[in-house]
């Protein structure tokens, strides 16, 4: 399914952004 793939990509992207962002 594409929906699950999109959710997984979003989660991965969010984790990467959070890890790179010095928030």
N, C-alpha and C. Protein backbone atom coordinates (compact mmCIF):
# COMPACT_ATOMS: atom_id res chain seq x y z
N UNK A 1 0.84 -1.22 0.00
CA UNK A 1 0.00 0.00 0.00
C UNK A 1 0.87 1.26 0.00
N UNK A 2 0.40 2.27 -0.65
CA UNK A 2 1.20 3.52 -0.71
C UNK A 2 1.02 4.33 0.57
N UNK A 3 -0.12 4.21 1.17
CA UNK A 3 -0.37 5.00 2.39
C UNK A 3 0.63 4.62 3.48
N UNK A 4 0.80 3.33 3.69
CA UNK A 4 1.75 2.90 4.74
C UNK A 4 3.16 3.38 4.40
N UNK A 5 3.48 3.33 3.13
CA UNK A 5 4.84 3.74 2.71
C UNK A 5 5.01 5.24 3.00
N UNK A 6 3.99 6.01 2.69
CA UNK A 6 4.07 7.46 2.93
C UNK A 6 4.23 7.75 4.42
N UNK A 7 3.46 7.06 5.23
CA UNK A 7 3.55 7.28 6.69
C UNK A 7 4.95 6.93 7.18
N UNK A 8 5.46 5.84 6.68
CA UNK A 8 6.81 5.40 7.13
C UNK A 8 7.84 6.45 6.70
N UNK A 9 7.73 6.93 5.49
CA UNK A 9 8.69 7.94 5.00
C UNK A 9 8.57 9.21 5.84
N UNK A 10 7.34 9.56 6.17
CA UNK A 10 7.14 10.78 6.97
C UNK A 10 7.79 10.62 8.34
N UNK A 11 7.59 9.48 8.92
CA UNK A 11 8.19 9.24 10.26
C UNK A 11 9.70 9.30 10.18
N UNK A 12 10.24 8.69 9.14
CA UNK A 12 11.71 8.68 8.99
C UNK A 12 12.21 10.11 8.78
N UNK A 13 11.48 10.85 7.95
CA UNK A 13 11.90 12.22 7.66
C UNK A 13 11.82 13.05 8.94
N UNK A 14 10.76 12.85 9.69
CA UNK A 14 10.58 13.64 10.92
C UNK A 14 11.71 13.31 11.89
N UNK A 15 12.04 12.06 11.99
CA UNK A 15 13.10 11.66 12.93
C UNK A 15 14.43 12.29 12.48
N UNK A 16 14.67 12.28 11.20
CA UNK A 16 15.92 12.84 10.68
C UNK A 16 15.96 14.35 10.93
N UNK A 17 14.83 14.99 10.69
CA UNK A 17 14.76 16.45 10.88
C UNK A 17 14.96 16.78 12.35
N UNK A 18 14.31 16.01 13.21
CA UNK A 18 14.43 16.27 14.65
C UNK A 18 15.88 16.05 15.10
N UNK A 19 16.51 15.03 14.57
CA UNK A 19 17.88 14.72 14.98
C UNK A 19 18.84 15.79 14.46
N UNK A 20 18.56 16.33 13.28
CA UNK A 20 19.46 17.34 12.72
C UNK A 20 19.15 18.73 13.28
N UNK A 21 17.87 18.97 13.54
CA UNK A 21 17.47 20.30 14.05
C UNK A 21 17.85 20.44 15.53
N UNK A 22 18.60 21.48 15.86
CA UNK A 22 19.03 21.69 17.26
C UNK A 22 17.94 22.37 18.08
N UNK A 23 16.75 21.87 17.96
CA UNK A 23 15.61 22.51 18.66
C UNK A 23 15.65 22.17 20.14
